[in-house]
Amino acid sequence: MKEWRTTRPLLHDNSEPAVGARGVTSRLMVNLFPAESSRQPRDERRSDLSSTKNLLRPRQITMDRVFLKRQGSWLVEFERSLGCGMKRTLKTVWLSSLVLLLLPGFLGAQELVGDWQGTLVFGKVNLRTILKVSAGPDKKLTAEFYSIDQTTDPLPVESISQEGKTVKFTLPMIHGSFVGTLSADSNSIDGTWTQGGSNPLKFERATKSSAWVIDPSKHTVQFVTVEPGVKLEVLDWGGTGRPMVLLTGLGNNAHIFDGFAEKLTSKYHVYGITRRGYGASDTPPVSGDAYSANRLGNDVIAVIDKLGLEKPVLVGHSIAGEELSSIGSRFPGRVAGLVYLDAGYPYALYDATHGDYGLDGIALREKMTELSNAQSPSAIRAIIADMLKTELPQYEKDLVARQKEMEGMPDMANQPAPDKKDRRQISAEAIITGEQKYTDIKCPVLAIFADPHDMGGPPMDEKQKAAAAAHDVEFTESQAKAWERMVPSAKVIRIPNANHYVFKSNEAEVLRDVQDWVDGLK
């Protein structure tokens, strides 16, 4: 999914459509699921349905009633000249025909039922999508949408309809919609996918021989208990050599690495973990630190222990940077090294010289809570003094930077409010709220940045486009330099004009960089 992220949260990573890095407001997001965030590139971490309308209008209903009455009278007259057997047969034929005429969308339902597949193209990234359409006894259409190069999980289609040859469906969860025209032979639907920006998308009817497999990757699946009542999905692609564990961006599950992981198995034994709250993994209630960065880091350590892995290399995309840094700060001896795939943003390494709108906002809220809970005047005075000296001046700088960033952003149409009952949305908000500031990474690091990013998103005029590109370069480059300055042992690689899903847009380059670096580890 392509996701245009604004700086506050897609779906994406999703996606992540859709749908990681924070602070970059103009970026092409390949994310057909809940956005990792609405901030750029910080928002690359986020991820970033009405009922079908009756196609009969009142006037049509009235005309059909008149038609029924007239036909009924005609049948009575005609029956008088026929024998009883013939009368029963003709009446059955007429009634059956009339029932079909009175079923709105009957023929449309039959035309659309089945599996459809088409490819979305976002710059260097191709995303295969599948639309599975079915009809109930009442002929009402329902559907599920898959972005199979990102996840094996279906996205619910809230509404799907056909009026004449026009086909429409919507996915409010990822702010996505499609409008297309059904071909004369009913074997293709040519139209436009809209999610922030617009992209052509043509669906072809899938056959037994042409149908794409939703999960073709050669892996085994197991579930590992990381704390009482919480099991995580762990994929094992096999391979020989040093263990390597892949961690996903927000909104994705471990299947996002299908294909990429298989290309690593010639040199490493490759695993992938689906984070709590997503995919087939459990979703514990949001309470306390259930989704904090350190809690998520502890989950990874628990999987490493249960699998008996000896000093694996951890490779993380987007928001997974916080899990890498949590482990690199607290348990550096447990891993051989950390690889950040466009994941080295403030949630992974906090640079106090620049601050961060999201992380500093979390710190300010925590300080405000502390102030509201204080009882004694001396405690209140101390907290206020501390806020005036530290949190408030820093947040003022963040707000000024944020305002400047928004000046280059195009206005976007209001989107439906996210479903507060959707577990992916709940998990995403909890994970973002649980971000922490990491400043001391104590193990070998490879940080790969899309710098600058492959720009995309809503239509922009030249001034807006230039402002967005300038902000992307400023933010991403400042973060890359922060790694070089704050973690001197880190190797920083910049891949120009790559997508946030850099392991998809520039797969060969990323594979080469990762393998060269890992092979050099002790």
Protein backbone atom coordinates (compact mmCIF):
# COMPACT_ATOMS: atom_id res chain seq x y z
CA MET A 1 0.00 0.00 0.00
CA LYS A 2 1.33 3.42 -0.56
CA GLU A 3 0.94 5.64 2.41
CA TRP A 4 1.43 9.36 2.58
CA ARG A 5 2.41 10.04 6.13
CA THR A 6 1.78 13.21 7.88
CA THR A 7 3.62 13.74 11.08
CA ARG A 8 1.10 12.84 13.78
CA PRO A 9 -0.44 8.57 12.92
CA LEU A 10 -0.26 4.58 8.30
CA LEU A 11 -0.82 -0.54 7.20
CA HIS A 12 1.28 0.59 6.72
CA ASP A 13 4.68 -0.52 7.66
CA ASN A 14 0.76 -1.60 5.99
CA SER A 15 1.01 -0.75 4.80
CA GLU A 16 3.06 -1.36 6.18
CA PRO A 17 -2.21 0.21 2.76
CA ALA A 18 -0.47 1.49 3.95
CA VAL A 19 0.91 2.12 5.44
CA GLY A 20 9.13 3.40 11.05
CA ALA A 21 10.98 6.55 10.68
CA ARG A 22 9.55 9.65 12.18
CA GLY A 23 9.66 13.24 11.29
CA VAL A 24 9.76 12.97 7.53
CA THR A 25 6.44 14.22 6.30
CA SER A 26 6.88 13.59 2.61
CA ARG A 27 7.59 10.04 1.81
CA LEU A 28 6.26 7.25 -0.34
CA MET A 29 5.00 4.60 2.03
CA VAL A 30 4.46 1.15 0.72
CA ASN A 31 2.03 0.02 3.36
CA LEU A 32 -1.35 -1.51 2.72
CA PHE A 33 -2.27 -1.90 6.40
CA PRO A 34 -2.70 0.32 9.39
CA ALA A 35 -0.14 2.96 9.17
CA GLU A 36 2.82 2.77 11.36
CA SER A 37 2.34 6.40 11.98
CA SER A 38 1.25 9.49 10.28
CA ARG A 39 4.58 11.14 10.82
CA GLN A 40 7.42 10.90 8.32
CA PRO A 41 9.77 9.03 8.56
CA ARG A 42 8.95 8.44 12.21
CA ASP A 43 5.57 7.69 10.91
CA GLU A 44 6.81 4.99 8.71
CA ARG A 45 6.57 3.02 11.85
CA ARG A 46 2.80 3.18 12.08
CA SER A 47 1.04 1.95 10.79
CA ASP A 48 0.43 3.79 8.44
CA LEU A 49 -16.44 0.31 6.08
CA SER A 50 -19.91 1.11 5.23
CA SER A 51 -22.60 -1.40 4.23
CA THR A 52 -23.47 -2.02 0.59
CA LYS A 53 -26.18 0.30 -0.64
CA ASN A 54 -29.40 -1.08 -2.14
CA LEU A 55 -29.12 -0.49 -5.85
CA LEU A 56 -32.91 -0.08 -6.29
CA ARG A 57 -33.98 3.51 -6.09
CA PRO A 58 -37.56 4.34 -4.87
CA ARG A 59 -38.81 5.01 -8.40
CA GLN A 60 -37.47 1.66 -9.59
CA ILE A 61 -39.21 -0.11 -6.71
CA THR A 62 -42.52 1.54 -7.60
CA MET A 63 -42.23 0.54 -11.26
CA ASP A 64 -41.42 -3.04 -10.29
CA ARG A 65 -44.54 -3.22 -8.14
CA VAL A 66 -46.69 -1.99 -11.04
CA PHE A 67 -45.01 -4.52 -13.31
CA LEU A 68 -45.81 -7.32 -10.87
CA LYS A 69 -49.44 -6.33 -10.66
CA ARG A 70 -49.83 -6.14 -14.42
CA GLN A 71 -48.02 -9.38 -15.01
CA GLY A 72 -50.12 -11.06 -12.37
CA SER A 73 -53.32 -10.03 -14.18
CA TRP A 74 -51.87 -11.21 -17.48
CA LEU A 75 -51.03 -14.57 -15.98
CA VAL A 76 -54.57 -15.06 -14.71
CA GLU A 77 -56.05 -14.38 -18.17
CA PHE A 78 -53.49 -16.58 -19.90
CA GLU A 79 -53.99 -19.45 -17.50
CA ARG A 80 -57.68 -19.73 -18.43
CA SER A 81 -56.74 -21.12 -21.82
CA LEU A 82 -54.24 -23.67 -20.49
CA GLY A 83 -54.39 -26.96 -18.69
CA CYS A 84 -53.50 -27.16 -14.98
CA GLY A 85 -50.05 -28.70 -15.55
CA MET A 86 -49.04 -26.09 -18.10
CA LYS A 87 -50.41 -23.33 -15.84
CA ARG A 88 -48.23 -24.46 -12.95
CA THR A 89 -45.15 -24.66 -15.17
CA LEU A 90 -45.62 -21.20 -16.71
CA LYS A 91 -46.38 -19.63 -13.35
CA THR A 92 -43.16 -21.10 -11.94
CA VAL A 93 -41.16 -19.73 -14.88
CA TRP A 94 -42.74 -16.29 -14.59
CA LEU A 95 -42.31 -16.06 -10.84
CA SER A 96 -38.69 -17.20 -11.06
CA SER A 97 -37.98 -14.60 -13.70
CA LEU A 98 -39.68 -11.89 -11.70
CA VAL A 99 -37.74 -12.80 -8.58
CA LEU A 100 -34.49 -12.39 -10.52
CA LEU A 101 -35.64 -9.05 -11.87
CA LEU A 102 -36.39 -7.86 -8.36
CA LEU A 103 -33.02 -8.87 -6.90
CA PRO A 104 -30.86 -5.71 -7.16
CA GLY A 105 -27.32 -6.53 -8.03
CA PHE A 106 -28.12 -10.20 -8.65
CA LEU A 107 -26.25 -10.36 -11.92
CA GLY A 108 -23.56 -8.03 -10.57
CA ALA A 109 -23.03 -10.31 -7.59
CA GLN A 110 -22.55 -13.28 -9.85
CA GLU A 111 -20.14 -11.35 -12.08
CA LEU A 112 -17.92 -10.30 -9.19
CA VAL A 113 -17.90 -13.45 -7.08
CA GLY A 114 -14.50 -15.13 -7.15
CA ASP A 115 -10.83 -14.22 -6.75
CA TRP A 116 -9.25 -11.22 -8.48
CA GLN A 117 -5.60 -10.24 -8.53
CA GLY A 118 -3.63 -7.21 -9.61
CA THR A 119 -0.31 -5.44 -9.04
CA LEU A 120 0.17 -1.98 -7.56
CA VAL A 121 3.35 -0.26 -8.72
CA PHE A 122 4.99 2.33 -6.47
CA GLY A 123 8.25 3.43 -8.04
CA LYS A 124 10.63 0.51 -7.59
CA VAL A 125 8.19 -1.54 -5.52
CA ASN A 126 5.56 -3.91 -6.91
CA LEU A 127 2.84 -5.10 -4.53
CA ARG A 128 0.62 -8.00 -5.52
CA THR A 129 -2.95 -7.69 -4.28
CA ILE A 130 -5.80 -10.19 -4.15
CA LEU A 131 -9.51 -9.40 -3.82
CA LYS A 132 -11.69 -12.32 -2.70
CA VAL A 133 -15.38 -11.64 -3.36
CA SER A 134 -18.29 -13.74 -2.17
CA ALA A 135 -22.07 -13.35 -2.03
CA GLY A 136 -24.40 -14.50 0.72
CA PRO A 137 -27.87 -16.06 0.34
CA ASP A 138 -29.26 -12.53 0.06
CA LYS A 139 -26.79 -11.86 -2.79
CA LYS A 140 -25.07 -9.17 -0.75
CA LEU A 141 -21.41 -8.91 -1.67
CA THR A 142 -18.62 -9.22 0.88
CA ALA A 143 -14.88 -9.20 0.26
CA GLU A 144 -11.40 -9.52 1.73
CA PHE A 145 -8.32 -7.75 0.42
CA TYR A 146 -4.75 -9.08 0.61
CA SER A 147 -1.42 -7.40 -0.02
CA ILE A 148 0.46 -10.68 -0.25
CA ASP A 149 3.93 -9.19 -0.57
CA GLN A 150 3.44 -7.52 2.81
CA THR A 151 1.31 -9.85 4.90
CA THR A 152 -0.76 -13.02 4.81
CA ASP A 153 -3.47 -11.34 6.90
CA PRO A 154 -6.60 -10.22 5.04
CA LEU A 155 -7.81 -6.63 5.29
CA PRO A 156 -11.58 -6.31 5.70
CA VAL A 157 -13.44 -4.61 2.86
CA GLU A 158 -16.23 -2.66 4.51
CA SER A 159 -18.29 -2.04 1.39
CA ILE A 160 -18.20 -3.40 -2.14
CA SER A 161 -20.76 -2.65 -4.83
CA GLN A 162 -21.45 -2.78 -8.53
CA GLU A 163 -23.63 -0.33 -10.43
CA GLY A 164 -23.76 -1.24 -14.07
CA LYS A 165 -20.14 -1.93 -14.94
CA THR A 166 -18.73 0.30 -12.20
CA VAL A 167 -17.15 -1.56 -9.28
CA LYS A 168 -16.29 0.15 -5.99
CA PHE A 169 -14.88 -1.00 -2.68
CA THR A 170 -13.45 0.71 0.40
CA LEU A 171 -11.02 -0.20 3.19
CA PRO A 172 -11.36 2.54 5.83
CA MET A 173 -8.84 0.78 8.08
CA ILE A 174 -6.08 1.88 5.73
CA HIS A 175 -7.92 4.85 4.19
CA GLY A 176 -7.95 3.01 0.86
CA SER A 177 -10.55 2.78 -1.91
CA PHE A 178 -10.89 1.47 -5.44
CA VAL A 179 -13.10 2.44 -8.38
CA GLY A 180 -12.94 0.51 -11.62
CA THR A 181 -14.83 -0.68 -14.69
CA LEU A 182 -15.71 -4.32 -15.25
CA SER A 183 -14.78 -5.52 -18.73
CA ALA A 184 -17.41 -6.74 -21.20
CA ASP A 185 -16.34 -10.36 -20.66
CA SER A 186 -16.33 -9.88 -16.83
CA ASN A 187 -12.73 -11.10 -16.58
CA SER A 188 -10.98 -7.85 -15.61
CA ILE A 189 -11.61 -4.65 -13.64
CA ASP A 190 -9.56 -1.65 -14.76
CA GLY A 191 -9.47 1.20 -12.28
CA THR A 192 -7.71 3.38 -9.72
CA TRP A 193 -6.49 2.67 -6.20
CA THR A 194 -6.64 5.73 -3.94
CA GLN A 195 -4.81 6.01 -0.64
CA GLY A 196 -3.55 9.53 -0.17
CA GLY A 197 -2.40 9.56 -3.79
CA SER A 198 -3.81 7.58 -6.71
CA ASN A 199 -2.33 4.68 -8.66
CA PRO A 200 -3.68 2.58 -11.52
CA LEU A 201 -4.73 -0.93 -10.56
CA LYS A 202 -6.11 -3.56 -12.90
CA PHE A 203 -7.58 -6.76 -11.48
CA GLU A 204 -7.70 -9.94 -13.54
CA ARG A 205 -9.98 -12.83 -12.64
CA ALA A 206 -7.82 -15.58 -11.13
CA THR A 207 -8.00 -19.12 -12.47
CA LYS A 208 -6.66 -22.33 -10.99
CA SER A 209 -3.57 -22.05 -13.14
CA SER A 210 -2.98 -18.30 -12.71
CA ALA A 211 -3.99 -17.75 -9.07
CA TRP A 212 -1.29 -16.38 -6.77
CA VAL A 213 -0.60 -18.29 -3.58
CA ILE A 214 -1.08 -16.12 -0.51
CA ASP A 215 1.75 -17.73 1.45
CA PRO A 216 4.12 -19.56 -0.92
CA SER A 217 7.22 -19.15 1.24
CA LYS A 218 8.98 -22.27 2.44
CA HIS A 219 8.99 -21.84 6.18
CA THR A 220 7.77 -23.60 9.26
CA VAL A 221 5.64 -21.90 11.90
CA GLN A 222 5.80 -22.30 15.66
CA PHE A 223 4.46 -20.36 18.62
CA VAL A 224 6.73 -19.33 21.45
CA THR A 225 5.49 -18.27 24.89
CA VAL A 226 7.20 -15.02 25.92
CA GLU A 227 5.22 -14.44 29.12
CA PRO A 228 2.21 -16.13 30.70
CA GLY A 229 -0.71 -15.97 28.29
CA VAL A 230 1.27 -14.44 25.42
CA LYS A 231 2.54 -16.49 22.48
CA LEU A 232 4.29 -15.08 19.42
CA GLU A 233 4.35 -16.47 15.90
CA VAL A 234 7.88 -17.43 14.86
CA LEU A 235 8.77 -18.33 11.27
CA ASP A 236 11.76 -20.50 10.43
CA TRP A 237 13.00 -20.31 6.84
CA GLY A 238 15.83 -22.75 7.57
CA GLY A 239 19.38 -22.33 6.36
CA THR A 240 22.80 -22.98 7.81
CA GLY A 241 25.33 -20.83 9.58
CA ARG A 242 24.97 -17.96 12.04
CA PRO A 243 21.39 -17.43 13.33
CA MET A 244 19.63 -14.31 12.05
CA VAL A 245 16.32 -12.97 13.41
CA LEU A 246 14.14 -10.59 11.35
CA LEU A 247 11.86 -8.08 13.10
CA THR A 248 9.08 -6.19 11.34
CA GLY A 249 7.84 -2.64 11.05
CA LEU A 250 4.61 -1.56 12.72
CA GLY A 251 1.51 -3.13 11.20
CA ASN A 252 3.41 -5.98 9.52
CA ASN A 253 3.88 -9.60 10.49
CA ALA A 254 6.92 -11.77 9.87
CA HIS A 255 5.59 -12.86 6.46
CA ILE A 256 6.63 -9.43 5.15
CA PHE A 257 10.12 -10.96 4.84
CA ASP A 258 9.04 -13.95 2.70
CA GLY A 259 11.31 -13.92 -0.33
CA PHE A 260 13.91 -11.65 1.25
CA ALA A 261 14.52 -14.17 4.05
CA GLU A 262 14.86 -17.07 1.65
CA LYS A 263 17.72 -15.30 -0.12
CA LEU A 264 19.64 -15.21 3.18
CA THR A 265 19.36 -18.91 3.97
CA SER A 266 22.40 -19.87 1.91
CA LYS A 267 24.60 -18.29 4.59
CA TYR A 268 22.46 -17.98 7.73
CA HIS A 269 19.72 -19.78 9.62
CA VAL A 270 16.89 -17.25 9.33
CA TYR A 271 13.96 -16.69 11.69
CA GLY A 272 11.24 -14.05 11.85
CA ILE A 273 9.07 -12.88 14.74
CA THR A 274 5.57 -11.44 14.52
CA ARG A 275 5.26 -8.79 17.23
CA ARG A 276 2.53 -9.04 19.88
CA GLY A 277 -0.71 -7.46 18.73
CA TYR A 278 -0.32 -8.53 15.09
CA GLY A 279 -0.86 -11.48 12.79
CA ALA A 280 -1.16 -14.84 14.49
CA SER A 281 0.58 -13.61 17.66
CA ASP A 282 -1.42 -12.96 20.81
CA THR A 283 -2.75 -9.52 21.72
CA PRO A 284 -2.53 -8.94 25.47
CA PRO A 285 -4.59 -6.10 26.98
CA VAL A 286 -3.10 -2.61 26.90
CA SER A 287 -2.05 -1.95 30.48
CA GLY A 288 1.10 -0.80 32.21
CA ASP A 289 4.15 -1.47 30.06
CA ALA A 290 2.54 -4.28 28.02
CA TYR A 291 3.63 -2.62 24.76
CA SER A 292 6.60 -0.53 25.85
CA ALA A 293 9.81 -0.65 23.83
CA ASN A 294 11.61 -2.59 26.55
CA ARG A 295 8.74 -5.06 26.86
CA LEU A 296 8.93 -5.71 23.11
CA GLY A 297 12.70 -6.10 23.43
CA ASN A 298 12.15 -8.63 26.21
CA ASP A 299 9.86 -10.60 23.88
CA VAL A 300 12.71 -10.93 21.38
CA ILE A 301 15.11 -12.10 24.10
CA ALA A 302 12.50 -14.65 25.26
CA VAL A 303 12.26 -16.08 21.73
CA ILE A 304 16.05 -16.25 21.45
CA ASP A 305 16.18 -18.16 24.74
CA LYS A 306 13.38 -20.58 23.83
CA LEU A 307 14.97 -21.36 20.47
CA GLY A 308 18.41 -21.70 22.03
CA LEU A 309 20.03 -19.24 19.61
CA GLU A 310 23.64 -18.31 20.32
CA LYS A 311 24.36 -14.62 19.69
CA PRO A 312 22.15 -14.09 16.63
CA VAL A 313 22.26 -11.07 14.34
CA LEU A 314 19.04 -9.05 14.71
CA VAL A 315 17.70 -7.33 11.59
CA GLY A 316 14.86 -4.86 12.09
CA HIS A 317 12.76 -2.70 9.79
CA SER A 318 11.21 0.64 10.76
CA ILE A 319 9.74 0.64 14.31
CA ALA A 320 11.71 -2.55 15.05
CA GLY A 321 14.61 -0.16 15.56
CA GLU A 322 13.33 0.42 19.08
CA GLU A 323 13.53 -3.31 19.88
CA LEU A 324 17.05 -3.48 18.47
CA SER A 325 18.15 -0.49 20.57
CA SER A 326 16.41 -1.82 23.67
CA ILE A 327 18.45 -5.01 23.40
CA GLY A 328 21.63 -3.22 22.29
CA SER A 329 21.40 -0.93 25.33
CA ARG A 330 20.48 -3.51 27.96
CA PHE A 331 21.72 -6.89 26.66
CA PRO A 332 24.52 -6.19 24.17
CA GLY A 333 26.25 -9.48 24.97
CA ARG A 334 23.23 -11.50 23.84
CA VAL A 335 23.61 -10.59 20.16
CA ALA A 336 26.38 -10.50 17.57
CA GLY A 337 25.14 -7.30 15.96
CA LEU A 338 22.16 -5.14 14.98
CA VAL A 339 21.04 -4.22 11.47
CA TYR A 340 18.66 -1.25 11.12
CA LEU A 341 16.73 -1.26 7.81
CA ASP A 342 15.57 2.37 7.57
CA ALA A 343 14.92 1.88 11.28
CA GLY A 344 17.45 4.22 12.87
CA TYR A 345 15.09 7.07 13.68
CA PRO A 346 14.57 8.81 17.06
CA TYR A 347 12.75 5.87 18.65
CA ALA A 348 15.98 3.90 18.01
CA LEU A 349 18.52 6.64 18.76
CA TYR A 350 17.44 9.87 20.45
CA ASP A 351 19.57 12.89 19.59
CA ALA A 352 19.04 15.57 22.22
CA THR A 353 20.58 18.24 19.98
CA HIS A 354 17.58 17.93 17.65
CA GLY A 355 14.91 16.51 19.95
CA ASP A 356 11.85 14.70 18.67
CA TYR A 357 8.24 15.84 18.59
CA GLY A 358 6.90 12.38 19.47
CA LEU A 359 9.35 11.29 22.17
CA ASP A 360 9.52 14.71 23.79
CA GLY A 361 5.73 14.81 23.82
CA ILE A 362 5.66 11.49 25.68
CA ALA A 363 8.17 12.83 28.21
CA LEU A 364 6.14 16.01 28.69
CA ARG A 365 2.92 14.06 29.28
CA GLU A 366 4.68 11.90 31.85
CA LYS A 367 5.94 15.02 33.62
CA MET A 368 2.45 16.54 33.60
CA THR A 369 1.09 13.36 35.17
CA GLU A 370 3.79 13.53 37.81
CA LEU A 371 2.85 17.15 38.52
CA SER A 372 -0.87 16.38 38.82
CA ASN A 373 -0.12 13.57 41.29
CA ALA A 374 2.26 15.65 43.45
CA GLN A 375 0.96 16.55 46.89
CA SER A 376 3.49 18.65 48.78
CA PRO A 377 4.33 22.23 47.71
CA SER A 378 8.03 21.41 47.66
CA ALA A 379 7.47 18.52 45.24
CA ILE A 380 5.28 20.67 43.01
CA ARG A 381 7.87 23.46 42.95
CA ALA A 382 10.63 21.00 42.05
CA ILE A 383 8.65 19.47 39.18
CA ILE A 384 7.68 22.86 37.76
CA ALA A 385 11.27 24.07 37.95
CA ASP A 386 12.45 20.96 36.13
CA MET A 387 9.79 21.37 33.41
CA LEU A 388 10.65 25.03 32.88
CA LYS A 389 14.31 24.14 32.54
CA THR A 390 14.08 21.00 30.39
CA GLU A 391 10.80 19.63 28.96
CA LEU A 392 9.04 22.85 28.01
CA PRO A 393 11.96 24.57 26.20
CA GLN A 394 12.66 21.37 24.27
CA TYR A 395 9.04 20.91 23.31
CA GLU A 396 8.82 24.52 22.18
CA LYS A 397 11.66 23.81 19.74
CA ASP A 398 9.84 20.68 18.59
CA LEU A 399 6.66 22.66 17.94
CA VAL A 400 8.50 25.28 15.90
CA ALA A 401 10.08 22.54 13.77
CA ARG A 402 6.73 20.81 13.45
CA GLN A 403 5.03 23.97 12.28
CA LYS A 404 7.70 24.53 9.66
CA GLU A 405 7.32 20.96 8.50
CA MET A 406 3.54 21.35 8.10
CA GLU A 407 3.97 24.41 5.89
CA GLY A 408 5.17 22.14 3.10
CA MET A 409 2.34 19.64 3.46
CA PRO A 410 -0.69 19.59 1.15
CA ASP A 411 -4.09 19.53 2.81
CA MET A 412 -5.74 16.13 2.72
CA ALA A 413 -9.41 15.18 2.75
CA ASN A 414 -10.78 14.15 6.12
CA GLN A 415 -10.49 10.42 6.66
CA PRO A 416 -12.91 8.22 8.60
CA ALA A 417 -11.99 7.80 12.24
CA PRO A 418 -10.05 4.57 12.86
CA ASP A 419 -11.91 1.65 14.38
CA LYS A 420 -11.08 1.80 18.07
CA LYS A 421 -12.03 -1.86 18.39
CA ASP A 422 -9.53 -3.03 15.80
CA ARG A 423 -6.68 -4.78 17.60
CA ARG A 424 -4.08 -3.57 15.12
CA GLN A 425 -5.06 0.03 15.75
CA ILE A 426 -5.06 -0.51 19.50
CA SER A 427 -1.66 -2.20 19.38
CA ALA A 428 -0.18 0.51 17.17
CA GLU A 429 -1.25 3.30 19.51
CA ALA A 430 0.08 1.40 22.54
CA ILE A 431 3.45 0.77 20.87
CA ILE A 432 3.82 4.42 19.85
CA THR A 433 2.92 5.54 23.37
CA GLY A 434 5.50 3.10 24.74
CA GLU A 435 8.46 4.52 22.80
CA GLN A 436 11.56 5.31 24.84
CA LYS A 437 14.73 7.36 24.42
CA TYR A 438 17.82 5.27 23.65
CA THR A 439 21.21 6.97 23.50
CA ASP A 440 23.80 4.28 24.29
CA ILE A 441 23.96 1.32 21.89
CA LYS A 442 26.74 -1.01 22.98
CA CYS A 443 27.12 -3.58 20.21
CA PRO A 444 28.07 -3.61 16.50
CA VAL A 445 25.61 -1.71 14.32
CA LEU A 446 24.83 -1.52 10.60
CA ALA A 447 22.37 1.30 9.90
CA ILE A 448 20.97 1.44 6.36
CA PHE A 449 19.02 4.59 5.48
CA ALA A 450 16.86 5.43 2.48
CA ASP A 451 18.50 8.82 2.12
CA PRO A 452 16.87 10.63 0.48
CA HIS A 453 13.64 8.69 0.25
CA ASP A 454 11.78 7.90 -2.94
CA MET A 455 9.22 10.69 -2.66
CA GLY A 456 5.51 10.16 -3.30
CA GLY A 457 2.13 10.72 -1.75
CA PRO A 458 -0.74 13.12 -2.40
CA PRO A 459 -0.54 15.45 -5.39
CA MET A 460 1.63 18.47 -4.59
CA ASP A 461 2.54 21.61 -6.37
CA GLU A 462 6.20 22.32 -7.04
CA LYS A 463 6.61 24.46 -3.93
CA GLN A 464 5.12 21.79 -1.67
CA LYS A 465 7.14 19.06 -3.35
CA ALA A 466 10.38 21.01 -2.87
CA ALA A 467 9.56 21.69 0.79
CA ALA A 468 8.72 18.05 1.44
CA ALA A 469 11.91 16.84 -0.24
CA ALA A 470 14.00 19.34 1.69
CA HIS A 471 12.50 18.23 4.99
CA ASP A 472 13.09 14.58 4.14
CA VAL A 473 16.75 15.21 3.37
CA GLU A 474 17.26 17.36 6.46
CA PHE A 475 15.62 14.94 8.87
CA THR A 476 17.00 11.68 7.48
CA GLU A 477 20.53 12.99 7.05
CA SER A 478 20.58 14.48 10.55
CA GLN A 479 19.59 11.11 11.96
CA ALA A 480 22.22 9.27 9.91
CA LYS A 481 24.86 11.69 11.20
CA ALA A 482 23.62 11.17 14.76
CA TRP A 483 24.53 7.49 14.46
CA GLU A 484 27.98 8.37 13.15
CA ARG A 485 28.50 10.81 16.00
CA MET A 486 26.87 8.97 18.91
CA VAL A 487 27.76 5.38 17.96
CA PRO A 488 31.24 5.65 16.43
CA SER A 489 31.47 1.91 15.77
CA ALA A 490 28.31 2.00 13.64
CA LYS A 491 28.57 1.53 9.89
CA VAL A 492 26.08 3.86 8.18
CA ILE A 493 25.01 3.23 4.59
CA ARG A 494 22.84 5.63 2.61
CA ILE A 495 20.84 4.32 -0.36
CA PRO A 496 19.59 7.26 -2.45
CA ASN A 497 15.97 7.33 -3.60
CA ALA A 498 15.04 4.06 -1.90
CA ASN A 499 11.61 3.36 -0.46
CA HIS A 500 11.05 3.09 3.28
CA TYR A 501 10.66 -0.66 2.60
CA VAL A 502 14.24 -0.59 1.45
CA PHE A 503 14.62 -4.37 1.56
CA LYS A 504 11.96 -4.52 -1.16
CA SER A 505 12.77 -1.50 -3.31
CA ASN A 506 16.54 -2.20 -3.26
CA GLU A 507 16.64 -5.86 -2.32
CA ALA A 508 19.87 -6.86 -4.07
CA GLU A 509 21.79 -3.91 -2.63
CA VAL A 510 20.50 -4.52 0.90
CA LEU A 511 21.28 -8.24 0.70
CA ARG A 512 24.84 -7.47 -0.38
CA ASP A 513 25.37 -4.85 2.33
CA VAL A 514 23.96 -7.06 5.08
CA GLN A 515 25.97 -10.11 4.06
CA ASP A 516 29.24 -8.20 3.71
CA TRP A 517 28.81 -6.63 7.14
CA VAL A 518 27.66 -9.79 8.94
CA ASP A 519 30.48 -11.83 7.45
CA GLY A 520 32.92 -9.35 8.97
CA LEU A 521 31.61 -9.87 12.51
CA LYS A 522 33.63 -11.88 15.00
